C-alpha cells in the first residue's frame, strides 16, 4: 500500500487541469488545518473538494470487488475509510464549510461535469455572501 499515493493522483491532476482550463483558480492543495485535509480548498468561501478513489472509498456505483485475500483486513480498512470520510464531512459542515465530492469514475467519464459541480457551488456560495 506504500506505493499508493494519497496526493496528486491521476484523477486529482485531471480535475485540477480541467479547473485551470475553465479559469477556476484560488484554491489551496491539501490544506492542513482543515478537517479531512481536502484535495482542494477554497479557503475564503469555505468550499472543500474531495477526489475519492472508487476502490479506496468503496464507490457504490462502481461496486468494485473485495480483494480475495485477507478479506477481514480489507473489510475493516474500507469501513474505517468510510467512517473517517463521514466524520470529517460532519466536522466541515459544523464549521460552516460546503463540500463537493468528485469520484474517480466521474472524473474519468466526464471531468467537465465535476468542474460544473464545483463552479455551480462557487457561484451559489458567492451569491449567498452577496445577499447576506
Foldseek 3Di string as FASTA:
>chain_A
DVPDDPAPDPLLVLLVVVCVVVVHDQWDAQDPPQQPSARTANDVLQEGEHEAECQLQVDPVVNDDQDPPPRVVRVVNNVVSNVSVVVSVVVSVVVVHHYHYHYSVCSVVPSPVSSVVVVVVVVVSVVVVVVD
